[in-house]
Amino acid sequence: MLNLYALLLASGENPLLRFEPGLMIWTVLSFFFLLVALYKIAWGPILKMLDERELKIDDALKQAEKVRAESASAAEETQRKIDEAVQQAQQIVQRAREEADESRRQILDDARAESQRSIDQGLQRLEAERRAALQEIRQTVADLAIRAAGRLIQSSLTERQQREVVERFLNELPGESVQ
């Protein structure tokens, strides 16, 4: 091949630059056949594969958008549920506080009432004991007065008459009357 190239250079004319109509027709026909063959064999499947790939990418993008929208919706739903749970917890705590306050008030009221009942009962007992003590003192004073008067007077008054005299005397005393 080198010899052929050297021979062409020596002649001074480049065969690639010469116009030959037959060669040109065959070249153009070969080019069109090659284009048709490439279109049927290569470009058709390549374009079909590219279209399929484009559809897969579109589907994947749509699926990704759908998943993103679903995850955003799920996140919003989760946040809403969390907010509801927090609100319910706050309501439960508030109700517990109110119930505790009400229980505390009720316990204090019950304790005050029980304390007041105990005080009233104590005062009633004291009053009853005071009356009983005064009655006993009255009886003792009356007995002593009767004995003393009986010794002093030695008269004909009966014990009953003497008791009536002493009781009148005690009722006439100043201050609190003895009953």
C-alpha atoms as a PDB file:
ATOM      1  CA  MET A   1       0.000   0.000   0.000  1.00  0.00           C
ATOM      2  CA  LEU A   2       2.816   2.278   0.581  1.00  0.00           C
ATOM      3  CA  ASN A   3       3.980   1.743  -2.980  1.00  0.00           C
ATOM      4  CA  LEU A   4       0.591   2.698  -4.331  1.00  0.00           C
ATOM      5  CA  TYR A   5       0.575   5.894  -2.342  1.00  0.00           C
ATOM      6  CA  ALA A   6       4.084   6.710  -3.517  1.00  0.00           C
ATOM      7  CA  LEU A   7       3.016   6.058  -7.112  1.00  0.00           C
ATOM      8  CA  LEU A   8       0.024   8.381  -6.754  1.00  0.00           C
ATOM      9  CA  LEU A   9       2.125  11.131  -5.308  1.00  0.00           C
ATOM     10  CA  ALA A  10       4.612  10.785  -8.115  1.00  0.00           C
ATOM     11  CA  SER A  11       1.960  11.233 -10.803  1.00  0.00           C
ATOM     12  CA  GLY A  12       0.926  14.504  -9.197  1.00  0.00           C
ATOM     13  CA  GLU A  13      -2.799  13.853  -9.325  1.00  0.00           C
ATOM     14  CA  ASN A  14      -4.891  12.825  -6.273  1.00  0.00           C
ATOM     15  CA  PRO A  15      -7.417  10.122  -7.199  1.00  0.00           C
ATOM     16  CA  LEU A  16      -9.719  11.111  -4.333  1.00  0.00           C
ATOM     17  CA  LEU A  17     -10.232  14.520  -5.804  1.00  0.00           C
ATOM     18  CA  ARG A  18     -11.224  13.271  -9.271  1.00  0.00           C
ATOM     19  CA  PHE A  19     -14.908  13.305 -10.216  1.00  0.00           C
ATOM     20  CA  GLU A  20     -16.246   9.906 -11.218  1.00  0.00           C
ATOM     21  CA  PRO A  21     -20.061   9.782 -11.695  1.00  0.00           C
ATOM     22  CA  GLY A  22     -20.442   5.997 -11.427  1.00  0.00           C
ATOM     23  CA  LEU A  23     -18.545   5.873  -8.170  1.00  0.00           C
ATOM     24  CA  MET A  24     -20.596   8.743  -6.863  1.00  0.00           C
ATOM     25  CA  ILE A  25     -23.926   7.039  -7.665  1.00  0.00           C
ATOM     26  CA  TRP A  26     -22.798   3.827  -6.018  1.00  0.00           C
ATOM     27  CA  THR A  27     -21.569   5.792  -3.000  1.00  0.00           C
ATOM     28  CA  VAL A  28     -24.875   7.633  -2.640  1.00  0.00           C
ATOM     29  CA  LEU A  29     -26.859   4.385  -3.095  1.00  0.00           C
ATOM     30  CA  SER A  30     -24.667   2.617  -0.544  1.00  0.00           C
ATOM     31  CA  PHE A  31     -25.146   5.476   1.859  1.00  0.00           C
ATOM     32  CA  PHE A  32     -28.972   5.352   1.515  1.00  0.00           C
ATOM     33  CA  PHE A  33     -29.026   1.542   1.910  1.00  0.00           C
ATOM     34  CA  LEU A  34     -26.833   1.887   4.943  1.00  0.00           C
ATOM     35  CA  LEU A  35     -29.193   4.553   6.353  1.00  0.00           C
ATOM     36  CA  VAL A  36     -32.230   2.326   5.759  1.00  0.00           C
ATOM     37  CA  ALA A  37     -30.470  -0.677   7.275  1.00  0.00           C
ATOM     38  CA  LEU A  38     -29.317   1.339  10.278  1.00  0.00           C
ATOM     39  CA  TYR A  39     -32.831   2.771  10.709  1.00  0.00           C
ATOM     40  CA  LYS A  40     -34.411  -0.680  10.677  1.00  0.00           C
ATOM     41  CA  ILE A  41     -31.703  -2.516  12.572  1.00  0.00           C
ATOM     42  CA  ALA A  42     -30.300   0.067  14.985  1.00  0.00           C
ATOM     43  CA  TRP A  43     -32.267   3.322  15.180  1.00  0.00           C
ATOM     44  CA  GLY A  44     -35.686   1.674  15.510  1.00  0.00           C
ATOM     45  CA  PRO A  45     -34.684  -0.444  18.506  1.00  0.00           C
ATOM     46  CA  ILE A  46     -32.559   2.389  19.928  1.00  0.00           C
ATOM     47  CA  LEU A  47     -35.437   4.880  19.643  1.00  0.00           C
ATOM     48  CA  LYS A  48     -37.851   2.296  21.025  1.00  0.00           C
ATOM     49  CA  MET A  49     -35.480   1.652  23.941  1.00  0.00           C
ATOM     50  CA  LEU A  50     -35.107   5.407  24.522  1.00  0.00           C
ATOM     51  CA  ASP A  51     -38.912   5.833  24.482  1.00  0.00           C
ATOM     52  CA  GLU A  52     -39.310   2.971  26.944  1.00  0.00           C
ATOM     53  CA  ARG A  53     -36.605   4.469  29.144  1.00  0.00           C
ATOM     54  CA  GLU A  54     -38.323   7.847  28.985  1.00  0.00           C
ATOM     55  CA  LEU A  55     -41.631   6.226  30.017  1.00  0.00           C
ATOM     56  CA  LYS A  56     -39.916   4.399  32.877  1.00  0.00           C
ATOM     57  CA  ILE A  57     -38.312   7.641  34.053  1.00  0.00           C
ATOM     58  CA  ASP A  58     -41.682   9.446  33.811  1.00  0.00           C
ATOM     59  CA  ASP A  59     -43.352   6.627  35.744  1.00  0.00           C
ATOM     60  CA  ALA A  60     -40.597   6.700  38.341  1.00  0.00           C
ATOM     61  CA  LEU A  61     -40.943  10.481  38.678  1.00  0.00           C
ATOM     62  CA  LYS A  62     -44.721  10.199  38.989  1.00  0.00           C
ATOM     63  CA  GLN A  63     -44.333   7.395  41.519  1.00  0.00           C
ATOM     64  CA  ALA A  64     -41.770   9.449  43.460  1.00  0.00           C
ATOM     65  CA  GLU A  65     -44.114  12.447  43.438  1.00  0.00           C
ATOM     66  CA  LYS A  66     -46.971  10.241  44.593  1.00  0.00           C
ATOM     67  CA  VAL A  67     -44.815   8.770  47.390  1.00  0.00           C
ATOM     68  CA  ARG A  68     -43.659  12.267  48.354  1.00  0.00           C
ATOM     69  CA  ALA A  69     -47.265  13.482  48.488  1.00  0.00           C
ATOM     70  CA  GLU A  70     -48.291  10.419  50.511  1.00  0.00           C
ATOM     71  CA  SER A  71     -45.392  10.883  52.917  1.00  0.00           C
ATOM     72  CA  ALA A  72     -46.257  14.567  53.301  1.00  0.00           C
ATOM     73  CA  SER A  73     -49.872  13.587  53.939  1.00  0.00           C
ATOM     74  CA  ALA A  74     -48.751  10.923  56.412  1.00  0.00           C
ATOM     75  CA  ALA A  75     -46.475  13.450  58.124  1.00  0.00           C
ATOM     76  CA  GLU A  76     -49.361  15.919  58.400  1.00  0.00           C
ATOM     77  CA  GLU A  77     -51.643  13.178  59.735  1.00  0.00           C
ATOM     78  CA  THR A  78     -48.999  12.110  62.223  1.00  0.00           C
ATOM     79  CA  GLN A  79     -48.494  15.704  63.357  1.00  0.00           C
ATOM     80  CA  ARG A  80     -52.257  16.129  63.702  1.00  0.00           C
ATOM     81  CA  LYS A  81     -52.479  12.964  65.787  1.00  0.00           C
ATOM     82  CA  ILE A  82     -49.565  14.121  67.928  1.00  0.00           C
ATOM     83  CA  ASP A  83     -51.276  17.478  68.427  1.00  0.00           C
ATOM     84  CA  GLU A  84     -54.523  15.718  69.361  1.00  0.00           C
ATOM     85  CA  ALA A  85     -52.669  13.433  71.779  1.00  0.00           C
ATOM     86  CA  VAL A  86     -50.943  16.413  73.393  1.00  0.00           C
ATOM     87  CA  GLN A  87     -54.278  18.219  73.679  1.00  0.00           C
ATOM     88  CA  GLN A  88     -55.927  15.139  75.191  1.00  0.00           C
ATOM     89  CA  ALA A  89     -53.032  14.747  77.621  1.00  0.00           C
ATOM     90  CA  GLN A  90     -53.396  18.384  78.640  1.00  0.00           C
ATOM     91  CA  GLN A  91     -57.138  17.901  79.126  1.00  0.00           C
ATOM     92  CA  ILE A  92     -56.524  14.784  81.223  1.00  0.00           C
ATOM     93  CA  VAL A  93     -53.974  16.630  83.349  1.00  0.00           C
ATOM     94  CA  GLN A  94     -56.379  19.568  83.733  1.00  0.00           C
ATOM     95  CA  ARG A  95     -59.236  17.249  84.733  1.00  0.00           C
ATOM     96  CA  ALA A  96     -56.938  15.453  87.179  1.00  0.00           C
ATOM     97  CA  ARG A  97     -55.938  18.784  88.703  1.00  0.00           C
ATOM     98  CA  GLU A  98     -59.552  19.875  88.964  1.00  0.00           C
ATOM     99  CA  GLU A  99     -60.547  16.548  90.507  1.00  0.00           C
ATOM    100  CA  ALA A 100     -57.607  16.743  92.910  1.00  0.00           C
ATOM    101  CA  ASP A 101     -58.599  20.291  93.887  1.00  0.00           C
ATOM    102  CA  GLU A 102     -62.207  19.207  94.328  1.00  0.00           C
ATOM    103  CA  SER A 103     -61.112  16.193  96.398  1.00  0.00           C
ATOM    104  CA  ARG A 104     -58.860  18.428  98.496  1.00  0.00           C
ATOM    105  CA  ARG A 105     -61.708  20.875  99.048  1.00  0.00           C
ATOM    106  CA  GLN A 106     -64.084  18.045  99.892  1.00  0.00           C
ATOM    107  CA  ILE A 107     -61.590  16.495 102.314  1.00  0.00           C
ATOM    108  CA  LEU A 108     -60.990  19.889 103.960  1.00  0.00           C
ATOM    109  CA  ASP A 109     -64.736  20.531 104.194  1.00  0.00           C
ATOM    110  CA  ASP A 110     -65.302  17.064 105.661  1.00  0.00           C
ATOM    111  CA  ALA A 111     -62.443  17.589 108.115  1.00  0.00           C
ATOM    112  CA  ARG A 112     -63.817  20.986 109.120  1.00  0.00           C
ATOM    113  CA  ALA A 113     -67.299  19.546 109.550  1.00  0.00           C
ATOM    114  CA  GLU A 114     -65.974  16.620 111.585  1.00  0.00           C
ATOM    115  CA  SER A 115     -63.878  19.008 113.658  1.00  0.00           C
ATOM    116  CA  GLN A 116     -66.903  21.223 114.240  1.00  0.00           C
ATOM    117  CA  ARG A 117     -69.006  18.175 115.210  1.00  0.00           C
ATOM    118  CA  SER A 118     -66.293  17.088 117.637  1.00  0.00           C
ATOM    119  CA  ILE A 119     -66.113  20.588 119.107  1.00  0.00           C
ATOM    120  CA  ASP A 120     -69.899  20.789 119.373  1.00  0.00           C
ATOM    121  CA  GLN A 121     -70.056  17.355 121.007  1.00  0.00           C
ATOM    122  CA  GLY A 122     -67.273  18.357 123.395  1.00  0.00           C
ATOM    123  CA  LEU A 123     -69.104  21.573 124.253  1.00  0.00           C
ATOM    124  CA  GLN A 124     -72.337  19.645 124.751  1.00  0.00           C
ATOM    125  CA  ARG A 125     -70.547  17.173 127.014  1.00  0.00           C
ATOM    126  CA  LEU A 126     -68.951  20.040 128.929  1.00  0.00           C
ATOM    127  CA  GLU A 127     -72.331  21.742 129.277  1.00  0.00           C
ATOM    128  CA  ALA A 128     -73.941  18.488 130.409  1.00  0.00           C
ATOM    129  CA  GLU A 129     -71.122  17.859 132.872  1.00  0.00           C
ATOM    130  CA  ARG A 130     -71.354  21.464 134.120  1.00  0.00           C
ATOM    131  CA  ARG A 131     -75.080  21.086 134.641  1.00  0.00           C
ATOM    132  CA  ALA A 132     -74.587  17.745 136.339  1.00  0.00           C
ATOM    133  CA  ALA A 133     -71.857  19.238 138.541  1.00  0.00           C
ATOM    134  CA  LEU A 134     -74.048  22.251 139.396  1.00  0.00           C
ATOM    135  CA  GLN A 135     -76.959  19.929 140.133  1.00  0.00           C
ATOM    136  CA  GLU A 136     -74.717  17.832 142.352  1.00  0.00           C
ATOM    137  CA  ILE A 137     -73.376  20.948 144.085  1.00  0.00           C
ATOM    138  CA  ARG A 138     -76.933  22.188 144.526  1.00  0.00           C
ATOM    139  CA  GLN A 139     -77.967  18.878 146.033  1.00  0.00           C
ATOM    140  CA  THR A 140     -74.933  18.838 148.294  1.00  0.00           C
ATOM    141  CA  VAL A 141     -75.449  22.473 149.331  1.00  0.00           C
ATOM    142  CA  ALA A 142     -79.129  21.798 149.899  1.00  0.00           C
ATOM    143  CA  ASP A 143     -78.334  18.736 152.016  1.00  0.00           C
ATOM    144  CA  LEU A 144     -75.715  20.654 153.960  1.00  0.00           C
ATOM    145  CA  ALA A 145     -78.020  23.620 154.415  1.00  0.00           C
ATOM    146  CA  ILE A 146     -80.820  21.368 155.569  1.00  0.00           C
ATOM    147  CA  ARG A 147     -78.574  19.673 158.067  1.00  0.00           C
ATOM    148  CA  ALA A 148     -77.220  22.970 159.250  1.00  0.00           C
ATOM    149  CA  ALA A 149     -80.645  24.556 159.467  1.00  0.00           C
ATOM    150  CA  GLY A 150     -82.021  21.470 161.144  1.00  0.00           C
ATOM    151  CA  ARG A 151     -79.387  21.639 163.827  1.00  0.00           C
ATOM    152  CA  LEU A 152     -79.845  25.357 164.270  1.00  0.00           C
ATOM    153  CA  ILE A 153     -83.564  25.491 164.275  1.00  0.00           C
ATOM    154  CA  GLN A 154     -84.508  22.128 165.623  1.00  0.00           C
ATOM    155  CA  SER A 155     -88.008  23.067 164.731  1.00  0.00           C
ATOM    156  CA  SER A 156     -91.052  21.338 163.522  1.00  0.00           C
ATOM    157  CA  LEU A 157     -90.357  21.815 159.800  1.00  0.00           C
ATOM    158  CA  THR A 158     -90.265  18.636 157.848  1.00  0.00           C
ATOM    159  CA  GLU A 159     -87.350  17.808 155.678  1.00  0.00           C
ATOM    160  CA  ARG A 160     -89.387  18.545 152.588  1.00  0.00           C
ATOM    161  CA  GLN A 161     -90.357  22.001 153.829  1.00  0.00           C
ATOM    162  CA  GLN A 162     -86.783  22.677 154.784  1.00  0.00           C
ATOM    163  CA  ARG A 163     -85.613  21.685 151.259  1.00  0.00           C
ATOM    164  CA  GLU A 164     -88.112  24.087 149.688  1.00  0.00           C
ATOM    165  CA  VAL A 165     -86.859  26.928 151.881  1.00  0.00           C
ATOM    166  CA  VAL A 166     -83.241  26.234 150.888  1.00  0.00           C
ATOM    167  CA  GLU A 167     -84.097  25.993 147.185  1.00  0.00           C
ATOM    168  CA  ARG A 168     -85.893  29.364 147.317  1.00  0.00           C
ATOM    169  CA  PHE A 169     -82.865  30.800 149.012  1.00  0.00           C
ATOM    170  CA  LEU A 170     -80.489  29.422 146.370  1.00  0.00           C
ATOM    171  CA  ASN A 171     -82.669  30.759 143.552  1.00  0.00           C
ATOM    172  CA  GLU A 172     -82.594  34.210 145.068  1.00  0.00           C
ATOM    173  CA  LEU A 173     -78.775  34.299 145.140  1.00  0.00           C
ATOM    174  CA  PRO A 174     -77.169  36.901 142.807  1.00  0.00           C
ATOM    175  CA  GLY A 175     -75.330  35.782 139.642  1.00  0.00           C
ATOM    176  CA  GLU A 176     -76.059  32.643 137.682  1.00  0.00           C
ATOM    177  CA  SER A 177     -79.013  30.738 138.991  1.00  0.00           C
ATOM    178  CA  VAL A 178     -78.472  27.094 139.826  1.00  0.00           C
ATOM    179  CA  GLN A 179     -80.871  24.802 138.062  1.00  0.00           C
END
